[in-house]
Protein backbone atom coordinates (compact mmCIF):
# COMPACT_ATOMS: atom_id res chain seq x y z
CA MET A 1 -0.01 -0.11 0.20
CA ILE A 2 1.32 3.44 -0.74
CA ARG A 3 -0.12 6.73 0.77
CA TYR A 4 -0.05 9.74 -1.84
CA THR A 5 -0.92 13.37 -0.68
CA LEU A 6 -3.24 14.94 -3.37
CA SER A 7 -4.36 17.88 -4.51
CA CYS A 8 -7.26 19.32 -6.85
CA ALA A 9 -7.72 21.89 -9.58
CA ASP A 10 -9.49 24.09 -6.77
CA GLY A 11 -6.60 23.76 -4.20
CA HIS A 12 -7.84 21.53 -2.09
CA ARG A 13 -5.76 18.92 -0.57
CA PHE A 14 -6.50 15.40 0.73
CA GLU A 15 -4.44 12.01 1.48
CA SER A 16 -5.75 8.72 -0.35
CA TRP A 17 -4.09 5.18 -0.47
CA PHE A 18 -3.68 3.16 -3.41
CA GLN A 19 -2.73 -0.35 -3.53
CA SER A 20 0.84 0.42 -5.64
CA ALA A 21 2.15 3.03 -7.60
CA ASP A 22 0.73 1.38 -10.87
CA ALA A 23 -2.62 1.40 -9.16
CA PHE A 24 -2.72 5.18 -8.64
CA ASP A 25 -1.63 5.96 -12.33
CA LYS A 26 -4.21 3.30 -13.84
CA LEU A 27 -6.91 4.75 -11.86
CA HIS A 28 -5.73 8.24 -12.41
CA ALA A 29 -5.74 7.45 -16.37
CA ALA A 30 -9.40 6.27 -16.15
CA GLY A 31 -10.76 9.70 -14.17
CA MET A 32 -11.48 7.40 -11.07
CA VAL A 33 -9.20 9.34 -8.28
CA ALA A 34 -11.66 12.58 -7.15
CA CYS A 35 -11.38 15.06 -4.91
CA ALA A 36 -11.98 14.05 -1.47
CA VAL A 37 -13.68 17.75 -0.87
CA CYS A 38 -15.52 19.02 -3.97
CA GLY A 39 -15.12 15.43 -6.10
CA GLY A 40 -13.34 17.16 -9.06
CA THR A 41 -10.96 14.76 -11.27
CA GLN A 42 -8.27 17.01 -11.82
CA VAL A 43 -6.08 15.62 -9.48
CA GLN A 44 -2.51 15.48 -9.23
CA LYS A 45 0.18 14.14 -6.62
CA THR A 46 1.80 17.02 -4.34
CA LEU A 47 5.29 16.67 -3.06
CA MET A 48 5.32 14.34 0.47
CA ALA A 49 7.89 12.82 2.96
CA PRO A 50 7.87 9.23 2.82
CA SER A 51 7.34 7.60 6.13
CA VAL A 52 10.39 5.43 6.85
CA ALA A 53 10.70 2.91 9.94
CA THR A 54 14.14 2.23 11.69
CA ASP A 55 15.36 -0.07 14.22
CA LYS A 56 16.75 2.54 16.57
CA PRO A 57 14.07 4.24 18.65
CA ALA A 58 14.03 8.06 18.60
CA ALA A 59 16.25 10.19 20.66
CA PRO A 60 14.73 11.70 23.88
CA ALA A 61 14.72 15.16 22.28
CA GLU A 62 13.02 13.69 19.38
CA ARG A 63 10.55 11.88 21.44
CA ASP A 64 9.45 14.71 23.88
CA ALA A 65 9.25 17.09 21.70
CA PRO A 66 5.95 18.84 21.49
CA LYS A 67 3.68 17.58 18.23
CA LEU A 68 2.77 20.39 15.67
CA SER A 69 -0.18 19.63 14.13
CA THR A 70 -1.83 21.55 11.38
CA PRO A 71 -5.43 22.74 11.61
CA ALA A 72 -8.14 20.36 10.35
CA SER A 73 -9.80 21.36 7.14
CA PRO A 74 -13.83 21.61 6.78
CA ALA A 75 -13.45 18.51 5.18
CA GLU A 76 -11.55 16.28 7.45
CA GLN A 77 -13.76 17.93 10.66
CA ALA A 78 -16.70 16.75 8.28
CA LEU A 79 -15.37 13.17 8.16
CA ALA A 80 -14.30 13.18 11.75
CA GLU A 81 -17.97 14.29 12.77
CA LEU A 82 -19.51 11.46 10.53
CA LYS A 83 -17.07 8.72 11.76
CA ARG A 84 -17.91 9.77 15.30
CA LYS A 85 -21.75 9.87 14.83
CA ILE A 86 -21.75 6.29 12.80
CA GLU A 87 -19.38 5.02 15.59
CA ALA A 88 -21.54 6.25 18.42
CA HIS A 89 -25.02 5.12 16.70
CA SER A 90 -24.32 1.85 15.16
CA ASP A 91 -22.84 -1.77 15.88
CA TYR A 92 -19.19 -2.55 14.62
CA VAL A 93 -19.48 -6.20 13.33
CA GLY A 94 -16.02 -6.14 12.16
CA PRO A 95 -15.51 -8.89 9.52
CA ARG A 96 -18.71 -10.36 9.89
CA PHE A 97 -20.48 -7.70 8.43
CA ALA A 98 -21.48 -9.42 5.12
CA GLN A 99 -23.37 -12.18 7.01
CA GLU A 100 -24.96 -9.51 9.25
CA ALA A 101 -26.29 -7.54 6.90
CA ARG A 102 -27.48 -11.11 5.31
CA ASP A 103 -29.14 -12.37 8.41
CA MET A 104 -31.03 -8.76 8.91
CA HIS A 105 -32.10 -9.16 5.40
CA ALA A 106 -33.46 -12.15 5.55
CA GLY A 107 -35.14 -11.40 9.30
CA LEU A 108 -32.89 -13.94 11.09
CA THR A 109 -31.75 -11.15 13.49
CA PRO A 110 -33.19 -7.78 14.42
CA GLU A 111 -32.59 -4.90 11.87
CA ARG A 112 -30.27 -2.00 13.43
CA ALA A 113 -27.78 -0.04 12.31
CA ILE A 114 -24.13 -1.75 11.64
CA HIS A 115 -20.68 -0.97 10.38
CA GLY A 116 -17.81 -3.09 9.56
CA GLU A 117 -15.12 -4.50 6.72
CA ALA A 118 -16.33 -6.48 3.97
CA ARG A 119 -14.05 -7.80 1.07
CA LEU A 120 -15.10 -6.14 -2.48
CA ASP A 121 -16.65 -9.40 -3.59
CA GLU A 122 -18.73 -9.45 -0.68
CA ALA A 123 -19.85 -6.07 -0.86
CA LYS A 124 -20.59 -6.71 -4.55
CA LYS A 125 -22.73 -9.78 -3.82
CA LEU A 126 -24.75 -7.70 -1.25
CA ILE A 127 -25.50 -5.30 -3.68
CA GLU A 128 -26.47 -8.23 -6.38
CA GLU A 129 -28.79 -9.37 -3.41
CA GLY A 130 -30.61 -6.49 -3.10
CA ILE A 131 -29.10 -5.68 0.47
CA PRO A 132 -28.48 -1.79 0.54
CA VAL A 133 -24.83 -1.18 1.83
CA ALA A 134 -22.60 1.54 1.09
CA PRO A 135 -18.80 2.16 1.86
CA LEU A 136 -17.73 4.33 4.51
CA PRO A 137 -14.98 7.11 3.28
CA PHE A 138 -13.23 6.26 6.58
CA ALA A 139 -11.51 3.14 8.15
CA PRO A 140 -13.57 1.79 10.81
CA GLY A 141 -11.93 1.66 14.10
CA ARG A 142 -11.52 -1.59 15.47
CA LYS A 143 -13.11 -2.46 19.40
CA THR A 144 -10.83 -4.11 20.81
CA ASN A 145 -13.32 -5.17 23.73
């Protein structure tokens, strides 16, 4: 996986993950990479610093230095609020998402709001079966207990 920092023709900056550099190039050439803020497809990669893992722990001065953060854009704030609401008002079912959705659709379990994870082929099957699903614009937070 590779993460790119991107910008659109309107100047919106955002990040997105791709399976590989080739995958980005193919999706971009097909017009399938769109701005996360305005939906524009005139998107380009911007300068970014690579994240490099090292075996050596950070020096105390680096480790204890205050972390500088840039203010979140309106789009990032909206996504964070959406994520907070979804996680607060639905049950996380993890990788059992497809089966849980099927069971609710068939009336085997009570209907409730759920979110979780499904492979692309599982999501396509759910849609083909007439089960309403939608991808989330963020990775769900995993619950550990």
